[in-house]
Amino acid sequence: MKNFLLTSLLACIYFQAVQSGLVCRQIDGSLKQIDAGNGLVFGVDDDGSVYTRNGEYWNLIPGTLSHVTVGPAGVWGVDRNFAVYRMLGGSWALMTGEELLTVKAEIQ
């Protein structure tokens, strides 16, 4: 696993409502993209490696993506070839027939 102690990532992962804003704290990490929802936090680094936050640590998730999103519809990702994946049973499942640049896992 890559050493994420070299740089810090400012993220609103652990947050609480305080009047009209959020309280954020700085955590270790070096990610180009991050998303959080439903108690889950996922991110992607410059190499396309995917990580999820588990307590105080980042855990590497097998697979390579350029973007990941978390929401009520689950955990979804897009790779550099614009193929769409969904996290099912702890693994990425290719969603055939889907081709998107960015996905947002929200249900309205």
Protein backbone atom coordinates (compact mmCIF):
# COMPACT_ATOMS: atom_id res chain seq x y z
CA MET A 1 0.00 0.00 0.00
CA LYS A 2 1.26 3.46 -0.81
CA ASN A 3 2.49 5.66 1.98
CA PHE A 4 -0.01 8.46 2.40
CA LEU A 5 1.90 10.17 5.19
CA LEU A 6 3.77 12.51 2.83
CA THR A 7 0.93 14.86 2.06
CA SER A 8 -2.31 15.85 3.68
CA LEU A 9 -5.79 15.97 2.31
CA LEU A 10 -8.34 18.42 3.56
CA ALA A 11 -11.65 16.63 3.57
CA CYS A 12 -14.98 16.99 5.24
CA ILE A 13 -15.13 13.32 6.10
CA TYR A 14 -15.89 13.57 9.76
CA PHE A 15 -18.33 16.38 9.99
CA GLN A 16 -21.01 17.74 12.23
CA ALA A 17 -23.46 20.53 11.76
CA VAL A 18 -22.40 23.68 13.55
CA GLN A 19 -24.84 26.52 13.05
CA SER A 20 -24.63 27.14 9.31
CA GLY A 21 -21.47 25.24 8.38
CA LEU A 22 -19.42 22.08 8.67
CA VAL A 23 -16.44 21.34 10.85
CA CYS A 24 -13.60 19.77 8.86
CA ARG A 25 -10.32 18.32 10.00
CA GLN A 26 -7.17 17.58 8.04
CA ILE A 27 -6.29 13.91 7.50
CA ASP A 28 -3.40 12.08 5.87
CA GLY A 29 -3.73 11.20 2.21
CA SER A 30 -2.92 12.13 -1.35
CA LEU A 31 -5.97 11.81 -3.57
CA LYS A 32 -7.06 13.64 -6.70
CA GLN A 33 -10.75 12.90 -6.11
CA ILE A 34 -12.81 11.98 -3.07
CA ASP A 35 -16.47 11.35 -2.29
CA ALA A 36 -18.36 10.45 0.88
CA GLY A 37 -21.88 9.31 1.63
CA ASN A 38 -23.85 6.74 3.59
CA GLY A 39 -20.98 6.49 6.10
CA LEU A 40 -18.50 5.52 3.36
CA VAL A 41 -15.52 7.43 1.99
CA PHE A 42 -13.81 6.54 -1.30
CA GLY A 43 -11.08 8.28 -3.26
CA VAL A 44 -8.84 7.95 -6.30
CA ASP A 45 -5.15 8.90 -6.51
CA ASP A 46 -3.16 10.15 -9.51
CA ASP A 47 -2.38 6.57 -10.60
CA GLY A 48 -6.05 5.57 -10.59
CA SER A 49 -5.75 3.43 -7.46
CA VAL A 50 -8.96 3.37 -5.42
CA TYR A 51 -9.02 3.70 -1.64
CA THR A 52 -11.66 3.60 1.05
CA ARG A 53 -11.37 5.09 4.51
CA ASN A 54 -11.57 2.64 7.41
CA GLY A 55 -11.32 4.51 10.70
CA GLU A 56 -7.93 6.24 10.65
CA TYR A 57 -6.54 4.36 7.63
CA TRP A 58 -6.92 4.26 3.84
CA ASN A 59 -7.40 0.74 2.44
CA LEU A 60 -6.54 -0.07 -1.18
CA ILE A 61 -9.45 -1.45 -3.20
CA PRO A 62 -8.52 -3.62 -6.22
CA GLY A 63 -9.17 -1.88 -9.53
CA THR A 64 -8.20 1.29 -11.35
CA LEU A 65 -10.61 4.19 -11.80
CA SER A 66 -10.48 7.86 -12.73
CA HIS A 67 -13.54 8.83 -10.64
CA VAL A 68 -15.57 7.25 -7.85
CA THR A 69 -18.83 8.33 -6.25
CA VAL A 70 -20.75 7.22 -3.16
CA GLY A 71 -24.44 7.72 -2.44
CA PRO A 72 -27.79 6.07 -1.77
CA ALA A 73 -27.49 4.22 -5.10
CA GLY A 74 -24.20 2.62 -3.96
CA VAL A 75 -20.55 3.04 -4.94
CA TRP A 76 -19.94 3.68 -8.64
CA GLY A 77 -16.83 4.47 -10.67
CA VAL A 78 -15.60 5.34 -14.14
CA ASP A 79 -12.27 4.20 -15.59
CA ARG A 80 -10.00 6.03 -18.07
CA ASN A 81 -11.84 4.35 -20.97
CA PHE A 82 -15.18 5.71 -19.66
CA ALA A 83 -16.45 2.25 -18.67
CA VAL A 84 -18.82 2.38 -15.70
CA TYR A 85 -18.45 0.07 -12.69
CA ARG A 86 -20.57 -0.56 -9.61
CA MET A 87 -19.30 -1.98 -6.33
CA LEU A 88 -21.17 -5.25 -5.76
CA GLY A 89 -20.20 -7.64 -2.98
CA GLY A 90 -16.88 -5.87 -2.45
CA SER A 91 -15.79 -6.07 -6.10
CA TRP A 92 -16.20 -3.83 -9.13
CA ALA A 93 -18.82 -5.08 -11.60
CA LEU A 94 -18.73 -3.71 -15.15
CA MET A 95 -22.06 -2.11 -16.09
CA THR A 96 -22.31 -3.06 -19.75
CA GLY A 97 -23.82 -0.56 -22.12
CA GLU A 98 -22.97 2.36 -19.83
CA GLU A 99 -20.45 4.99 -20.89
CA LEU A 100 -20.18 8.18 -18.86
CA LEU A 101 -17.52 10.70 -17.91
CA THR A 102 -18.84 11.29 -14.40
CA VAL A 103 -21.49 9.59 -12.32
CA LYS A 104 -23.17 10.79 -9.13
CA ALA A 105 -24.80 8.06 -7.04
CA GLU A 106 -27.86 9.94 -5.84
CA ILE A 107 -31.51 9.03 -6.04
CA GLN A 108 -33.95 11.92 -6.13
